[in-house]
PDB file of N, CA and C in Angstrom:
ATOM      1  N   MET A   1    -136.488  27.319 -23.684  1.00  0.00           N
ATOM      2  CA  MET A   1    -135.826  26.925 -24.893  1.00  0.00           C
ATOM      3  C   MET A   1    -136.499  25.405 -24.957  1.00  0.00           C
ATOM      4  N   PRO A   2    -137.553  24.887 -25.835  1.00  0.00           N
ATOM      5  CA  PRO A   2    -138.164  23.316 -25.891  1.00  0.00           C
ATOM      6  C   PRO A   2    -137.052  22.609 -26.079  1.00  0.00           C
ATOM      7  N   LYS A   3    -137.324  21.443 -25.402  1.00  0.00           N
ATOM      8  CA  LYS A   3    -136.343  20.185 -25.304  1.00  0.00           C
ATOM      9  C   LYS A   3    -137.065  18.936 -25.517  1.00  0.00           C
ATOM     10  N   THR A   4    -136.699  18.431 -26.660  1.00  0.00           N
ATOM     11  CA  THR A   4    -137.767  16.851 -26.982  1.00  0.00           C
ATOM     12  C   THR A   4    -136.906  15.787 -25.916  1.00  0.00           C
ATOM     13  N   LEU A   5    -137.668  14.818 -25.065  1.00  0.00           N
ATOM     14  CA  LEU A   5    -137.351  14.213 -24.655  1.00  0.00           C
ATOM     15  C   LEU A   5    -138.201  12.595 -24.856  1.00  0.00           C
ATOM     16  N   THR A   6    -137.498  11.652 -24.317  1.00  0.00           N
ATOM     17  CA  THR A   6    -138.292  10.465 -24.042  1.00  0.00           C
ATOM     18  C   THR A   6    -138.366  10.056 -22.955  1.00  0.00           C
ATOM     19  N   ALA A   7    -139.376   9.113 -22.584  1.00  0.00           N
ATOM     20  CA  ALA A   7    -139.791   8.625 -21.174  1.00  0.00           C
ATOM     21  C   ALA A   7    -140.646   7.663 -21.160  1.00  0.00           C
ATOM     22  N   ILE A   8    -140.567   6.849 -20.374  1.00  0.00           N
ATOM     23  CA  ILE A   8    -141.724   5.314 -20.074  1.00  0.00           C
ATOM     24  C   ILE A   8    -142.551   5.902 -18.932  1.00  0.00           C
ATOM     25  N   TYR A   9    -144.137   5.337 -19.297  1.00  0.00           N
ATOM     26  CA  TYR A   9    -145.099   5.488 -18.407  1.00  0.00           C
ATOM     27  C   TYR A   9    -145.219   4.738 -17.859  1.00  0.00           C
ATOM     28  N   ASP A  10    -144.836   4.437 -16.180  1.00  0.00           N
ATOM     29  CA  ASP A  10    -145.102   3.009 -15.643  1.00  0.00           C
ATOM     30  C   ASP A  10    -146.467   2.893 -15.253  1.00  0.00           C
ATOM     31  N   GLY A  11    -147.801   3.661 -15.922  1.00  0.00           N
ATOM     32  CA  GLY A  11    -149.253   3.729 -15.157  1.00  0.00           C
ATOM     33  C   GLY A  11    -149.084   4.860 -14.065  1.00  0.00           C
ATOM     34  N   GLN A  12    -148.219   5.700 -13.383  1.00  0.00           N
ATOM     35  CA  GLN A  12    -148.518   6.417 -12.839  1.00  0.00           C
ATOM     36  C   GLN A  12    -147.489   7.516 -13.058  1.00  0.00           C
ATOM     37  N   HIS A  13    -145.990   7.594 -13.405  1.00  0.00           N
ATOM     38  CA  HIS A  13    -145.199   8.285 -13.663  1.00  0.00           C
ATOM     39  C   HIS A  13    -144.442   8.284 -14.886  1.00  0.00           C
ATOM     40  N   LEU A  14    -144.311   9.253 -15.653  1.00  0.00           N
ATOM     41  CA  LEU A  14    -143.298   9.366 -16.643  1.00  0.00           C
ATOM     42  C   LEU A  14    -141.638   9.114 -16.251  1.00  0.00           C
ATOM     43  N   LEU A  15    -141.314   8.193 -16.347  1.00  0.00           N
ATOM     44  CA  LEU A  15    -139.699   8.421 -16.200  1.00  0.00           C
ATOM     45  C   LEU A  15    -138.983   8.647 -17.328  1.00  0.00           C
ATOM     46  N   LEU A  16    -138.320   9.832 -17.078  1.00  0.00           N
ATOM     47  CA  LEU A  16    -137.225   9.890 -18.267  1.00  0.00           C
ATOM     48  C   LEU A  16    -136.075   9.027 -18.484  1.00  0.00           C
ATOM     49  N   ASP A  17    -135.769   9.464 -20.029  1.00  0.00           N
ATOM     50  CA  ASP A  17    -134.667   8.273 -20.235  1.00  0.00           C
ATOM     51  C   ASP A  17    -133.316   9.105 -20.131  1.00  0.00           C
ATOM     52  N   GLU A  18    -133.362  10.550 -19.767  1.00  0.00           N
ATOM     53  CA  GLU A  18    -131.853  11.288 -19.517  1.00  0.00           C
ATOM     54  C   GLU A  18    -132.466  12.033 -18.325  1.00  0.00           C
ATOM     55  N   PRO A  19    -131.357  12.395 -17.671  1.00  0.00           N
ATOM     56  CA  PRO A  19    -131.654  13.467 -16.444  1.00  0.00           C
ATOM     57  C   PRO A  19    -132.285  14.930 -17.294  1.00  0.00           C
ATOM     58  N   LEU A  20    -132.875  15.696 -16.563  1.00  0.00           N
ATOM     59  CA  LEU A  20    -133.425  16.762 -16.909  1.00  0.00           C
ATOM     60  C   LEU A  20    -132.907  18.105 -15.732  1.00  0.00           C
ATOM     61  N   ALA A  21    -132.500  18.979 -16.263  1.00  0.00           N
ATOM     62  CA  ALA A  21    -132.271  20.113 -15.650  1.00  0.00           C
ATOM     63  C   ALA A  21    -133.161  20.797 -15.469  1.00  0.00           C
ATOM     64  N   LEU A  22    -134.005  21.134 -14.628  1.00  0.00           N
ATOM     65  CA  LEU A  22    -134.899  21.809 -14.323  1.00  0.00           C
ATOM     66  C   LEU A  22    -135.030  22.403 -12.928  1.00  0.00           C
ATOM     67  N   GLU A  23    -135.555  23.914 -13.007  1.00  0.00           N
ATOM     68  CA  GLU A  23    -135.643  24.682 -11.768  1.00  0.00           C
ATOM     69  C   GLU A  23    -137.158  23.715 -10.999  1.00  0.00           C
ATOM     70  N   PRO A  24    -136.680  23.156  -9.512  1.00  0.00           N
ATOM     71  CA  PRO A  24    -137.534  22.648  -8.803  1.00  0.00           C
ATOM     72  C   PRO A  24    -139.041  23.749  -8.340  1.00  0.00           C
ATOM     73  N   ASN A  25    -139.697  22.863  -7.825  1.00  0.00           N
ATOM     74  CA  ASN A  25    -141.357  23.810  -7.649  1.00  0.00           C
ATOM     75  C   ASN A  25    -141.936  24.719  -8.702  1.00  0.00           C
ATOM     76  N   ARG A  26    -141.349  24.443  -9.777  1.00  0.00           N
ATOM     77  CA  ARG A  26    -142.255  25.482 -10.881  1.00  0.00           C
ATOM     78  C   ARG A  26    -142.968  24.338 -11.864  1.00  0.00           C
ATOM     79  N   ARG A  27    -143.923  25.201 -12.141  1.00  0.00           N
ATOM     80  CA  ARG A  27    -144.700  24.611 -12.988  1.00  0.00           C
ATOM     81  C   ARG A  27    -144.532  24.609 -14.652  1.00  0.00           C
ATOM     82  N   TYR A  28    -144.252  23.526 -15.461  1.00  0.00           N
ATOM     83  CA  TYR A  28    -143.786  23.398 -16.739  1.00  0.00           C
ATOM     84  C   TYR A  28    -145.131  22.984 -17.387  1.00  0.00           C
ATOM     85  N   ILE A  29    -144.953  23.468 -18.591  1.00  0.00           N
ATOM     86  CA  ILE A  29    -146.145  22.884 -19.824  1.00  0.00           C
ATOM     87  C   ILE A  29    -145.073  21.580 -20.534  1.00  0.00           C
ATOM     88  N   ILE A  30    -146.034  20.409 -20.462  1.00  0.00           N
ATOM     89  CA  ILE A  30    -145.711  19.307 -21.014  1.00  0.00           C
ATOM     90  C   ILE A  30    -146.475  18.625 -21.990  1.00  0.00           C
ATOM     91  N   THR A  31    -146.062  18.488 -23.445  1.00  0.00           N
ATOM     92  CA  THR A  31    -146.816  18.375 -24.410  1.00  0.00           C
ATOM     93  C   THR A  31    -146.703  16.559 -24.699  1.00  0.00           C
ATOM     94  N   VAL A  32    -147.304  15.803 -24.854  1.00  0.00           N
ATOM     95  CA  VAL A  32    -147.172  14.475 -25.025  1.00  0.00           C
ATOM     96  C   VAL A  32    -147.781  14.005 -26.213  1.00  0.00           C
ATOM     97  N   GLN A  33    -146.704  13.294 -26.690  1.00  0.00           N
ATOM     98  CA  GLN A  33    -146.767  13.176 -28.496  1.00  0.00           C
ATOM     99  C   GLN A  33    -146.976  11.236 -28.507  1.00  0.00           C
ATOM    100  N   GLY A  34    -147.445  10.780 -29.245  1.00  0.00           N
ATOM    101  CA  GLY A  34    -147.470   9.262 -29.435  1.00  0.00           C
ATOM    102  C   GLY A  34    -146.363   8.557 -28.904  1.00  0.00           C
ATOM    103  N   PRO A  35    -146.576   7.171 -28.738  1.00  0.00           N
ATOM    104  CA  PRO A  35    -145.261   6.363 -28.389  1.00  0.00           C
ATOM    105  C   PRO A  35    -144.360   6.671 -29.006  1.00  0.00           C
ATOM    106  N   ALA A  36    -142.995   6.846 -28.651  1.00  0.00           N
ATOM    107  CA  ALA A  36    -141.763   6.589 -29.556  1.00  0.00           C
ATOM    108  C   ALA A  36    -141.634   5.376 -29.864  1.00  0.00           C
ATOM    109  N   ILE A  37    -140.864   5.469 -31.321  1.00  0.00           N
ATOM    110  CA  ILE A  37    -140.876   3.946 -32.156  1.00  0.00           C
ATOM    111  C   ILE A  37    -139.502   3.350 -31.317  1.00  0.00           C
ATOM    112  N   GLU A  38    -139.805   2.061 -31.039  1.00  0.00           N
ATOM    113  CA  GLU A  38    -138.911   1.366 -30.359  1.00  0.00           C
ATOM    114  C   GLU A  38    -138.056   0.839 -31.297  1.00  0.00           C
ATOM    115  N   ARG A  39    -136.788   0.206 -30.617  1.00  0.00           N
ATOM    116  CA  ARG A  39    -135.970  -0.334 -31.536  1.00  0.00           C
ATOM    117  C   ARG A  39    -136.590  -1.591 -32.225  1.00  0.00           C
ATOM    118  N   VAL A  40    -135.515  -1.617 -33.594  1.00  0.00           N
ATOM    119  CA  VAL A  40    -136.795  -2.439 -34.748  1.00  0.00           C
ATOM    120  C   VAL A  40    -135.604  -3.751 -34.613  1.00  0.00           C
ATOM    121  N   ASP A  41    -135.965  -5.089 -34.351  1.00  0.00           N
ATOM    122  CA  ASP A  41    -135.118  -6.106 -34.380  1.00  0.00           C
ATOM    123  C   ASP A  41    -135.411  -6.952 -35.608  1.00  0.00           C
ATOM    124  N   GLU A  42    -136.235  -6.802 -36.216  1.00  0.00           N
ATOM    125  CA  GLU A  42    -136.728  -7.638 -37.093  1.00  0.00           C
ATOM    126  C   GLU A  42    -136.565  -6.707 -38.569  1.00  0.00           C
ATOM    127  N   PRO A  43    -135.352  -7.068 -39.767  1.00  0.00           N
ATOM    128  CA  PRO A  43    -135.310  -6.281 -40.851  1.00  0.00           C
ATOM    129  C   PRO A  43    -136.696  -5.792 -41.673  1.00  0.00           C
ATOM    130  N   ASN A  44    -137.685  -6.724 -41.816  1.00  0.00           N
ATOM    131  CA  ASN A  44    -138.936  -6.319 -42.150  1.00  0.00           C
ATOM    132  C   ASN A  44    -139.578  -5.197 -41.456  1.00  0.00           C
ATOM    133  N   ASP A  45    -139.198  -4.793 -40.339  1.00  0.00           N
ATOM    134  CA  ASP A  45    -140.091  -3.802 -39.659  1.00  0.00           C
ATOM    135  C   ASP A  45    -139.631  -2.267 -40.115  1.00  0.00           C
ATOM    136  N   ALA A  46    -138.877  -2.205 -40.875  1.00  0.00           N
ATOM    137  CA  ALA A  46    -138.324  -0.995 -41.248  1.00  0.00           C
ATOM    138  C   ALA A  46    -139.372  -0.189 -42.169  1.00  0.00           C
ATOM    139  N   TRP A  47    -140.345  -1.362 -42.666  1.00  0.00           N
ATOM    140  CA  TRP A  47    -141.633  -0.408 -43.127  1.00  0.00           C
ATOM    141  C   TRP A  47    -142.572   0.123 -42.398  1.00  0.00           C
ATOM    142  N   LYS A  48    -142.668  -0.644 -41.135  1.00  0.00           N
ATOM    143  CA  LYS A  48    -143.387   0.022 -39.796  1.00  0.00           C
ATOM    144  C   LYS A  48    -142.772   1.181 -39.595  1.00  0.00           C
ATOM    145  N   VAL A  49    -141.648   1.166 -39.291  1.00  0.00           N
ATOM    146  CA  VAL A  49    -140.877   2.796 -38.843  1.00  0.00           C
ATOM    147  C   VAL A  49    -141.190   3.685 -39.670  1.00  0.00           C
ATOM    148  N   LEU A  50    -141.203   3.442 -41.183  1.00  0.00           N
ATOM    149  CA  LEU A  50    -141.374   4.548 -41.812  1.00  0.00           C
ATOM    150  C   LEU A  50    -143.108   4.691 -41.636  1.00  0.00           C
ATOM    151  N   GLU A  51    -143.788   4.207 -41.820  1.00  0.00           N
ATOM    152  CA  GLU A  51    -145.242   4.134 -41.857  1.00  0.00           C
ATOM    153  C   GLU A  51    -145.414   5.204 -40.577  1.00  0.00           C
ATOM    154  N   ALA A  52    -144.958   4.648 -39.805  1.00  0.00           N
ATOM    155  CA  ALA A  52    -145.004   5.467 -38.112  1.00  0.00           C
ATOM    156  C   ALA A  52    -144.680   6.787 -38.430  1.00  0.00           C
ATOM    157  N   LEU A  53    -143.621   6.923 -39.093  1.00  0.00           N
ATOM    158  CA  LEU A  53    -142.722   8.495 -39.412  1.00  0.00           C
ATOM    159  C   LEU A  53    -143.873   9.410 -40.312  1.00  0.00           C
ATOM    160  N   GLN A  54    -144.366   8.701 -41.296  1.00  0.00           N
ATOM    161  CA  GLN A  54    -145.086   9.615 -42.073  1.00  0.00           C
ATOM    162  C   GLN A  54    -146.015  10.420 -41.851  1.00  0.00           C
ATOM    163  N   GLY A  55    -145.892  11.703 -42.350  1.00  0.00           N
ATOM    164  CA  GLY A  55    -146.464  12.751 -42.215  1.00  0.00           C
ATOM    165  C   GLY A  55    -146.191  13.778 -40.990  1.00  0.00           C
ATOM    166  N   THR A  56    -144.874  13.051 -40.374  1.00  0.00           N
ATOM    167  CA  THR A  56    -144.359  13.946 -38.882  1.00  0.00           C
ATOM    168  C   THR A  56    -142.942  14.975 -39.482  1.00  0.00           C
ATOM    169  N   VAL A  57    -142.823  15.224 -40.812  1.00  0.00           N
ATOM    170  CA  VAL A  57    -141.798  15.992 -41.187  1.00  0.00           C
ATOM    171  C   VAL A  57    -142.471  17.034 -41.762  1.00  0.00           C
ATOM    172  N   ASP A  58    -142.207  18.555 -41.435  1.00  0.00           N
ATOM    173  CA  ASP A  58    -142.710  19.633 -41.875  1.00  0.00           C
ATOM    174  C   ASP A  58    -141.715  19.958 -43.092  1.00  0.00           C
ATOM    175  N   ALA A  59    -142.778  19.957 -44.271  1.00  0.00           N
ATOM    176  CA  ALA A  59    -141.699  20.426 -45.573  1.00  0.00           C
ATOM    177  C   ALA A  59    -142.675  20.822 -46.612  1.00  0.00           C
ATOM    178  N   PRO A  60    -142.080  21.645 -47.696  1.00  0.00           N
ATOM    179  CA  PRO A  60    -142.774  22.447 -48.531  1.00  0.00           C
ATOM    180  C   PRO A  60    -143.539  21.395 -49.135  1.00  0.00           C
ATOM    181  N   PRO A  61    -144.585  21.746 -50.150  1.00  0.00           N
ATOM    182  CA  PRO A  61    -145.606  20.992 -50.571  1.00  0.00           C
ATOM    183  C   PRO A  61    -144.914  20.231 -52.202  1.00  0.00           C
ATOM    184  N   ASP A  62    -144.071  21.047 -52.497  1.00  0.00           N
ATOM    185  CA  ASP A  62    -143.305  20.371 -53.476  1.00  0.00           C
ATOM    186  C   ASP A  62    -141.649  19.712 -53.485  1.00  0.00           C
ATOM    187  N   TRP A  63    -141.986  19.274 -52.280  1.00  0.00           N
ATOM    188  CA  TRP A  63    -140.619  18.736 -51.821  1.00  0.00           C
ATOM    189  C   TRP A  63    -140.123  17.521 -52.693  1.00  0.00           C
ATOM    190  N   ALA A  64    -140.963  16.596 -52.786  1.00  0.00           N
ATOM    191  CA  ALA A  64    -140.661  15.355 -53.672  1.00  0.00           C
ATOM    192  C   ALA A  64    -140.048  15.554 -55.242  1.00  0.00           C
ATOM    193  N   VAL A  65    -140.431  16.929 -55.488  1.00  0.00           N
ATOM    194  CA  VAL A  65    -140.026  17.401 -56.851  1.00  0.00           C
ATOM    195  C   VAL A  65    -138.731  18.254 -56.753  1.00  0.00           C
ATOM    196  N   GLU A  66    -138.904  19.011 -55.780  1.00  0.00           N
ATOM    197  CA  GLU A  66    -137.783  20.193 -55.877  1.00  0.00           C
ATOM    198  C   GLU A  66    -136.633  19.619 -54.746  1.00  0.00           C
ATOM    199  N   HIS A  67    -136.771  18.288 -54.303  1.00  0.00           N
ATOM    200  CA  HIS A  67    -135.541  17.800 -53.096  1.00  0.00           C
ATOM    201  C   HIS A  67    -134.162  18.192 -53.672  1.00  0.00           C
ATOM    202  N   ASP A  68    -133.800  18.161 -54.713  1.00  0.00           N
ATOM    203  CA  ASP A  68    -132.442  18.872 -54.785  1.00  0.00           C
ATOM    204  C   ASP A  68    -132.069  20.407 -54.690  1.00  0.00           C
ATOM    205  N   HIS A  69    -132.983  20.881 -54.857  1.00  0.00           N
ATOM    206  CA  HIS A  69    -133.266  22.374 -54.563  1.00  0.00           C
ATOM    207  C   HIS A  69    -133.059  22.629 -53.179  1.00  0.00           C
ATOM    208  N   TYR A  70    -133.894  21.815 -52.208  1.00  0.00           N
ATOM    209  CA  TYR A  70    -134.276  22.136 -51.243  1.00  0.00           C
ATOM    210  C   TYR A  70    -132.806  21.462 -50.169  1.00  0.00           C
ATOM    211  N   LEU A  71    -132.397  20.479 -50.712  1.00  0.00           N
ATOM    212  CA  LEU A  71    -130.933  19.687 -49.993  1.00  0.00           C
ATOM    213  C   LEU A  71    -129.829  20.478 -50.531  1.00  0.00           C
ATOM    214  N   TYR A  72    -129.787  20.703 -51.836  1.00  0.00           N
ATOM    215  CA  TYR A  72    -128.099  21.139 -52.241  1.00  0.00           C
ATOM    216  C   TYR A  72    -128.235  22.448 -52.718  1.00  0.00           C
ATOM    217  N   GLY A  73    -129.420  23.279 -52.862  1.00  0.00           N
ATOM    218  CA  GLY A  73    -129.686  24.821 -53.501  1.00  0.00           C
ATOM    219  C   GLY A  73    -129.457  24.580 -54.995  1.00  0.00           C
ATOM    220  N   LEU A  74    -129.442  23.646 -55.670  1.00  0.00           N
ATOM    221  CA  LEU A  74    -129.415  23.592 -56.843  1.00  0.00           C
ATOM    222  C   LEU A  74    -130.914  24.351 -57.471  1.00  0.00           C
ATOM    223  N   PRO A  75    -130.758  25.033 -58.680  1.00  0.00           N
ATOM    224  CA  PRO A  75    -131.982  25.495 -59.284  1.00  0.00           C
ATOM    225  C   PRO A  75    -133.233  24.864 -59.337  1.00  0.00           C
ATOM    226  N   ASN A  76    -134.410  25.515 -59.261  1.00  0.00           N
ATOM    227  CA  ASN A  76    -135.352  24.644 -59.270  1.00  0.00           C
ATOM    228  C   ASN A  76    -135.666  24.115 -60.384  1.00  0.00           C
ATOM    229  N   ARG A  77    -136.580  22.896 -60.823  1.00  0.00           N
ATOM    230  CA  ARG A  77    -136.890  21.890 -61.951  1.00  0.00           C
ATOM    231  C   ARG A  77    -138.004  22.784 -62.497  1.00  0.00           C
ATOM    232  N   ARG A  78    -139.013  23.168 -61.675  1.00  0.00           N
ATOM    233  CA  ARG A  78    -140.068  23.583 -62.414  1.00  0.00           C
ATOM    234  C   ARG A  78    -140.138  25.019 -61.519  1.00  0.00           C
ATOM    235  N   PRO A  79    -139.580  26.091 -61.959  1.00  0.00           N
ATOM    236  CA  PRO A  79    -139.874  27.504 -61.575  1.00  0.00           C
ATOM    237  C   PRO A  79    -141.075  28.080 -61.533  1.00  0.00           C
ATOM    238  N   ASP A  80    -142.312  27.370 -62.694  1.00  0.00           N
ATOM    239  CA  ASP A  80    -143.449  28.158 -62.645  1.00  0.00           C
ATOM    240  C   ASP A  80    -144.021  27.717 -61.050  1.00  0.00           C
ATOM    241  N   THR A  81    -143.550  26.711 -60.305  1.00  0.00           N
ATOM    242  CA  THR A  81    -144.182  26.182 -59.169  1.00  0.00           C
ATOM    243  C   THR A  81    -144.022  27.244 -57.872  1.00  0.00           C
ATOM    244  N   ILE A  82    -142.559  28.056 -57.755  1.00  0.00           N
ATOM    245  CA  ILE A  82    -142.277  28.608 -56.921  1.00  0.00           C
ATOM    246  C   ILE A  82    -143.270  29.814 -56.555  1.00  0.00           C
ATOM    247  N   LYS A  83    -143.502  29.520 -55.222  1.00  0.00           N
ATOM    248  CA  LYS A  83    -144.626  30.681 -54.640  1.00  0.00           C
ATOM    249  C   LYS A  83    -143.839  31.724 -53.717  1.00  0.00           C
TER     250      LYS A  83
END
């Protein structure tokens, strides 16, 4: 089962932020994704966070128009676009 973790790379090793229960002496596949978003201290950094998250959520192409349909199950606003 896939698990998403965060870690710090010290130049040689990945240091996990939480313990991970894995079977020793086994080979695992690890996917490295760009840097995690650090804690934002300044209020104006929220735009940087949103910018970094842009394009990271898989959603239907009509998400912006039909968000009430997808979130709350309301009827489609534009039934002609249903695929």
